[in-house]
N, C-alpha and C. Protein backbone atom coordinates (compact mmCIF):
# COMPACT_ATOMS: atom_id res chain seq x y z
N MET A 1 83.99 58.47 -76.24
CA MET A 1 84.49 59.20 -75.11
C MET A 1 85.16 58.21 -74.16
N GLN A 2 86.21 58.64 -73.52
CA GLN A 2 86.86 57.80 -72.51
C GLN A 2 86.59 58.35 -71.12
N LEU A 3 86.51 57.45 -70.15
CA LEU A 3 86.44 57.85 -68.77
C LEU A 3 87.42 57.01 -68.00
N GLY A 4 87.87 57.52 -66.87
CA GLY A 4 88.87 56.78 -66.12
C GLY A 4 88.79 57.02 -64.63
N PHE A 5 89.41 56.13 -63.91
CA PHE A 5 89.49 56.18 -62.46
C PHE A 5 90.94 56.01 -62.08
N TYR A 6 91.36 56.73 -61.04
CA TYR A 6 92.74 56.61 -60.58
C TYR A 6 92.74 56.63 -59.06
N ASP A 7 93.38 55.64 -58.45
CA ASP A 7 93.50 55.56 -57.00
C ASP A 7 94.91 56.02 -56.62
N LEU A 8 94.99 57.17 -55.95
CA LEU A 8 96.29 57.74 -55.58
C LEU A 8 97.08 56.85 -54.63
N MET A 9 96.40 56.20 -53.70
CA MET A 9 97.09 55.38 -52.71
C MET A 9 97.75 54.16 -53.35
N SER A 10 97.01 53.45 -54.18
CA SER A 10 97.55 52.23 -54.78
C SER A 10 98.16 52.46 -56.16
N LYS A 11 97.99 53.69 -56.68
CA LYS A 11 98.46 54.05 -58.02
C LYS A 11 97.86 53.12 -59.09
N ARG A 12 96.63 52.68 -58.83
CA ARG A 12 95.88 51.88 -59.80
C ARG A 12 95.09 52.81 -60.70
N LYS A 13 94.96 52.43 -61.96
CA LYS A 13 94.10 53.21 -62.85
C LYS A 13 93.26 52.27 -63.70
N GLU A 14 92.10 52.77 -64.06
CA GLU A 14 91.19 52.04 -64.95
C GLU A 14 90.72 53.02 -66.02
N ILE A 15 90.81 52.61 -67.26
CA ILE A 15 90.37 53.43 -68.40
C ILE A 15 89.26 52.66 -69.12
N TYR A 16 88.23 53.39 -69.52
CA TYR A 16 87.09 52.77 -70.21
C TYR A 16 86.68 53.61 -71.40
N ASP A 17 86.14 52.95 -72.40
CA ASP A 17 85.53 53.61 -73.55
C ASP A 17 84.02 53.59 -73.34
N SER A 18 83.39 54.74 -73.56
CA SER A 18 81.96 54.87 -73.33
C SER A 18 81.26 55.32 -74.60
N HIS A 19 80.14 54.70 -74.87
CA HIS A 19 79.30 55.10 -76.01
C HIS A 19 77.89 55.33 -75.48
N MET A 20 77.30 56.47 -75.85
CA MET A 20 75.93 56.80 -75.43
C MET A 20 75.08 57.06 -76.66
N GLN A 21 73.83 56.65 -76.56
CA GLN A 21 72.89 56.85 -77.66
C GLN A 21 71.50 57.04 -77.07
N THR A 22 70.76 58.03 -77.59
CA THR A 22 69.39 58.20 -77.13
C THR A 22 68.47 57.26 -77.90
N VAL A 23 67.58 56.61 -77.15
CA VAL A 23 66.61 55.68 -77.73
C VAL A 23 65.29 55.89 -77.00
N ASN A 24 64.29 56.38 -77.72
CA ASN A 24 62.96 56.61 -77.14
C ASN A 24 62.99 57.41 -75.84
N GLY A 25 63.80 58.46 -75.81
CA GLY A 25 63.86 59.32 -74.64
C GLY A 25 64.78 58.84 -73.53
N SER A 26 65.33 57.65 -73.66
CA SER A 26 66.28 57.12 -72.69
C SER A 26 67.68 57.19 -73.29
N ILE A 27 68.68 57.16 -72.42
CA ILE A 27 70.07 57.15 -72.87
C ILE A 27 70.63 55.76 -72.62
N MET A 28 70.98 55.08 -73.69
CA MET A 28 71.58 53.75 -73.60
C MET A 28 73.09 53.92 -73.56
N THR A 29 73.75 53.25 -72.62
CA THR A 29 75.20 53.36 -72.49
C THR A 29 75.85 51.99 -72.65
N THR A 30 76.98 51.99 -73.28
CA THR A 30 77.82 50.79 -73.36
C THR A 30 79.23 51.23 -72.99
N ILE A 31 79.78 50.58 -71.98
CA ILE A 31 81.14 50.88 -71.53
C ILE A 31 81.98 49.62 -71.69
N THR A 32 83.12 49.78 -72.34
CA THR A 32 84.05 48.67 -72.55
C THR A 32 85.44 49.10 -72.08
N SER A 33 86.32 48.14 -71.96
CA SER A 33 87.69 48.43 -71.54
C SER A 33 88.65 48.17 -72.69
N PRO A 34 89.48 49.15 -73.04
CA PRO A 34 90.47 48.90 -74.09
C PRO A 34 91.57 47.94 -73.63
N ASN A 35 91.63 47.70 -72.31
CA ASN A 35 92.66 46.81 -71.76
C ASN A 35 92.15 45.41 -71.43
N ASP A 36 90.84 45.20 -71.53
CA ASP A 36 90.25 43.89 -71.21
C ASP A 36 88.99 43.69 -72.03
N ASN A 37 89.09 42.91 -73.09
CA ASN A 37 87.94 42.74 -73.99
C ASN A 37 86.81 41.92 -73.35
N ARG A 38 87.01 41.41 -72.15
CA ARG A 38 85.95 40.67 -71.45
C ARG A 38 85.04 41.60 -70.67
N PHE A 39 85.45 42.88 -70.49
CA PHE A 39 84.66 43.83 -69.71
C PHE A 39 83.61 44.50 -70.59
N VAL A 40 82.35 44.38 -70.20
CA VAL A 40 81.23 45.06 -70.87
C VAL A 40 80.22 45.48 -69.80
N LEU A 41 79.81 46.73 -69.86
CA LEU A 41 78.79 47.26 -68.96
C LEU A 41 77.77 47.99 -69.81
N LYS A 42 76.54 47.54 -69.77
CA LYS A 42 75.47 48.20 -70.51
C LYS A 42 74.41 48.63 -69.52
N GLY A 43 73.85 49.82 -69.76
CA GLY A 43 72.81 50.33 -68.87
C GLY A 43 71.94 51.34 -69.57
N LYS A 44 70.89 51.74 -68.86
CA LYS A 44 69.93 52.68 -69.43
C LYS A 44 69.62 53.76 -68.41
N PHE A 45 69.71 55.03 -68.86
CA PHE A 45 69.29 56.17 -68.06
C PHE A 45 67.92 56.59 -68.56
N THR A 46 66.92 56.54 -67.67
CA THR A 46 65.55 56.90 -68.02
C THR A 46 65.21 58.24 -67.38
N ALA A 47 64.75 59.18 -68.19
CA ALA A 47 64.38 60.50 -67.68
C ALA A 47 63.19 60.38 -66.74
N ILE A 48 63.31 61.02 -65.57
CA ILE A 48 62.22 60.94 -64.58
C ILE A 48 61.70 62.31 -64.16
N ASN A 49 62.50 63.38 -64.42
CA ASN A 49 62.11 64.69 -63.91
C ASN A 49 62.95 65.76 -64.61
N LYS A 50 62.41 66.97 -64.67
CA LYS A 50 63.18 68.12 -65.13
C LYS A 50 63.00 69.23 -64.11
N GLN A 51 64.13 69.80 -63.67
CA GLN A 51 64.08 70.83 -62.64
C GLN A 51 65.22 71.82 -62.89
N ASN A 52 64.87 73.09 -63.07
CA ASN A 52 65.87 74.15 -63.28
C ASN A 52 66.83 73.81 -64.41
N SER A 53 66.34 73.40 -65.53
CA SER A 53 67.06 73.03 -66.75
C SER A 53 67.94 71.78 -66.59
N ARG A 54 67.85 71.12 -65.45
CA ARG A 54 68.56 69.86 -65.26
C ARG A 54 67.60 68.71 -65.50
N LEU A 55 68.05 67.71 -66.23
CA LEU A 55 67.25 66.53 -66.49
C LEU A 55 67.70 65.44 -65.52
N PHE A 56 66.77 64.89 -64.75
CA PHE A 56 67.08 63.85 -63.78
C PHE A 56 66.77 62.48 -64.38
N PHE A 57 67.65 61.52 -64.09
CA PHE A 57 67.54 60.17 -64.66
C PHE A 57 67.69 59.13 -63.57
N SER A 58 67.01 58.01 -63.77
CA SER A 58 67.28 56.82 -62.96
C SER A 58 68.08 55.86 -63.84
N TYR A 59 68.93 55.07 -63.22
CA TYR A 59 69.81 54.14 -63.95
C TYR A 59 69.33 52.71 -63.74
N THR A 60 69.27 51.97 -64.84
CA THR A 60 68.94 50.56 -64.80
C THR A 60 70.05 49.77 -65.48
N PRO A 61 70.70 48.85 -64.75
CA PRO A 61 71.72 48.04 -65.41
C PRO A 61 71.06 47.03 -66.36
N ILE A 62 71.71 46.78 -67.47
CA ILE A 62 71.20 45.82 -68.45
C ILE A 62 72.10 44.59 -68.52
N TYR A 63 73.40 44.82 -68.55
CA TYR A 63 74.34 43.71 -68.69
C TYR A 63 75.68 44.12 -68.10
N TYR A 64 76.32 43.20 -67.38
CA TYR A 64 77.64 43.47 -66.81
C TYR A 64 78.45 42.19 -66.85
N SER A 65 79.63 42.27 -67.44
CA SER A 65 80.49 41.10 -67.54
C SER A 65 81.94 41.53 -67.35
N THR A 66 82.60 40.87 -66.41
CA THR A 66 84.03 41.11 -66.20
C THR A 66 84.64 39.88 -65.54
N ALA A 67 85.90 39.66 -65.79
CA ALA A 67 86.62 38.56 -65.15
C ALA A 67 87.31 39.04 -63.89
N GLN A 68 87.31 40.36 -63.65
CA GLN A 68 88.04 40.93 -62.51
C GLN A 68 87.10 41.26 -61.35
N LYS A 69 87.64 41.27 -60.16
CA LYS A 69 86.89 41.63 -58.95
C LYS A 69 87.46 42.94 -58.40
N GLY A 70 86.63 43.70 -57.71
CA GLY A 70 87.08 44.90 -57.02
C GLY A 70 87.47 46.06 -57.91
N LEU A 71 86.81 46.21 -59.06
CA LEU A 71 87.11 47.32 -59.94
C LEU A 71 86.57 48.63 -59.36
N MET A 72 87.27 49.72 -59.65
CA MET A 72 86.82 51.03 -59.16
C MET A 72 85.52 51.45 -59.81
N ILE A 73 85.27 51.03 -61.03
CA ILE A 73 84.02 51.40 -61.71
C ILE A 73 82.81 50.82 -60.99
N ASP A 74 83.00 49.76 -60.20
CA ASP A 74 81.89 49.19 -59.44
C ASP A 74 81.30 50.21 -58.47
N GLY A 75 82.14 51.10 -57.93
CA GLY A 75 81.65 52.14 -57.04
C GLY A 75 80.72 53.11 -57.76
N LEU A 76 81.06 53.44 -59.01
CA LEU A 76 80.20 54.31 -59.80
C LEU A 76 78.86 53.64 -60.07
N VAL A 77 78.89 52.37 -60.45
CA VAL A 77 77.65 51.65 -60.74
C VAL A 77 76.79 51.57 -59.48
N ASP A 78 77.41 51.30 -58.33
CA ASP A 78 76.66 51.24 -57.08
C ASP A 78 75.99 52.58 -56.78
N MET A 79 76.72 53.68 -56.98
CA MET A 79 76.14 55.01 -56.76
C MET A 79 74.95 55.24 -57.69
N LEU A 80 75.09 54.88 -58.97
CA LEU A 80 74.02 55.09 -59.93
C LEU A 80 72.76 54.32 -59.57
N LEU A 81 72.93 53.17 -58.93
CA LEU A 81 71.78 52.36 -58.54
C LEU A 81 71.01 52.94 -57.35
N HIS A 82 71.67 53.83 -56.59
CA HIS A 82 71.05 54.31 -55.36
C HIS A 82 70.64 55.78 -55.37
N ILE A 83 71.00 56.52 -56.40
CA ILE A 83 70.58 57.92 -56.48
C ILE A 83 70.07 58.22 -57.88
N ASP A 84 69.28 59.27 -57.99
CA ASP A 84 68.91 59.79 -59.31
C ASP A 84 69.99 60.79 -59.71
N VAL A 85 70.46 60.68 -60.93
CA VAL A 85 71.53 61.57 -61.40
C VAL A 85 70.96 62.61 -62.35
N TRP A 86 71.64 63.75 -62.43
CA TRP A 86 71.17 64.80 -63.34
C TRP A 86 72.23 65.08 -64.39
N MET A 87 71.73 65.55 -65.51
CA MET A 87 72.56 66.02 -66.61
C MET A 87 71.95 67.33 -67.09
N GLN A 88 72.80 68.26 -67.51
CA GLN A 88 72.32 69.57 -67.93
C GLN A 88 72.90 69.91 -69.30
N PRO A 89 72.02 70.11 -70.30
CA PRO A 89 72.52 70.53 -71.61
C PRO A 89 72.98 71.98 -71.57
N LEU A 90 74.08 72.28 -72.25
CA LEU A 90 74.62 73.64 -72.34
C LEU A 90 75.08 73.89 -73.77
N ASN A 91 75.10 75.14 -74.16
CA ASN A 91 75.68 75.53 -75.44
C ASN A 91 76.79 76.53 -75.17
N VAL A 92 77.97 76.26 -75.70
CA VAL A 92 79.10 77.17 -75.61
C VAL A 92 79.50 77.49 -77.04
N GLY A 93 79.17 78.69 -77.48
CA GLY A 93 79.37 79.02 -78.89
C GLY A 93 78.47 78.11 -79.73
N ASN A 94 79.06 77.44 -80.68
CA ASN A 94 78.30 76.50 -81.52
C ASN A 94 78.39 75.07 -81.02
N GLN A 95 79.11 74.86 -79.92
CA GLN A 95 79.31 73.51 -79.40
C GLN A 95 78.24 73.15 -78.38
N GLN A 96 77.55 72.04 -78.59
CA GLN A 96 76.59 71.55 -77.62
C GLN A 96 77.32 70.65 -76.63
N LEU A 97 77.05 70.88 -75.35
CA LEU A 97 77.67 70.10 -74.28
C LEU A 97 76.59 69.51 -73.40
N VAL A 98 76.95 68.45 -72.70
CA VAL A 98 76.11 67.90 -71.65
C VAL A 98 77.00 67.77 -70.42
N VAL A 99 76.60 68.42 -69.33
CA VAL A 99 77.37 68.37 -68.09
C VAL A 99 76.65 67.42 -67.14
N GLY A 100 77.40 66.51 -66.54
CA GLY A 100 76.82 65.53 -65.64
C GLY A 100 77.06 65.89 -64.18
N GLN A 101 76.30 65.28 -63.30
CA GLN A 101 76.36 65.52 -61.87
C GLN A 101 77.76 65.26 -61.31
N SER A 102 78.46 64.30 -61.86
CA SER A 102 79.79 63.95 -61.36
C SER A 102 80.86 64.93 -61.82
N GLY A 103 80.47 65.89 -62.67
CA GLY A 103 81.44 66.82 -63.22
C GLY A 103 81.88 66.45 -64.63
N ALA A 104 81.41 65.32 -65.11
CA ALA A 104 81.74 64.90 -66.47
C ALA A 104 81.17 65.89 -67.47
N ILE A 105 81.93 66.17 -68.51
CA ILE A 105 81.48 67.05 -69.58
C ILE A 105 81.57 66.28 -70.89
N PHE A 106 80.44 66.15 -71.57
CA PHE A 106 80.38 65.46 -72.84
C PHE A 106 80.43 66.53 -73.93
N LEU A 107 81.42 66.48 -74.79
CA LEU A 107 81.66 67.54 -75.78
C LEU A 107 80.92 67.34 -77.09
N TYR A 108 80.03 66.43 -77.15
CA TYR A 108 79.29 66.17 -78.37
C TYR A 108 77.83 65.96 -78.02
N PRO A 109 76.95 66.26 -78.97
CA PRO A 109 75.54 65.99 -78.69
C PRO A 109 75.29 64.48 -78.70
N LEU A 110 74.36 64.03 -77.87
CA LEU A 110 74.03 62.61 -77.86
C LEU A 110 73.34 62.25 -79.17
N LYS A 111 73.68 61.11 -79.74
CA LYS A 111 73.12 60.69 -81.03
C LYS A 111 71.70 60.18 -80.84
N LYS A 112 70.86 60.51 -81.81
CA LYS A 112 69.47 60.06 -81.77
C LYS A 112 69.30 58.88 -82.69
């Protein structure tokens, strides 16, 4: 899956490739940049609560490496460190989806 950021004022954009995998009830994430092979962000979402069919997670960074300063993705990482985020599984027809707090929609089931 790809995710991206775009700053309208500066017309800057950042595109990232994201891979998620469930491991022992946690979601392990690896984010890389197709434009910079030095960028790697690894983290873990740990389930902490379930409320109204939403699963709440805390985020723990595992590894972060980049040669650049002031990336827009840093704002996302900062937010994840300071709030608990939720994800909600949904089924639309035969397609399993996961909707995230930020509005992100994952069109595939997370791999176990």
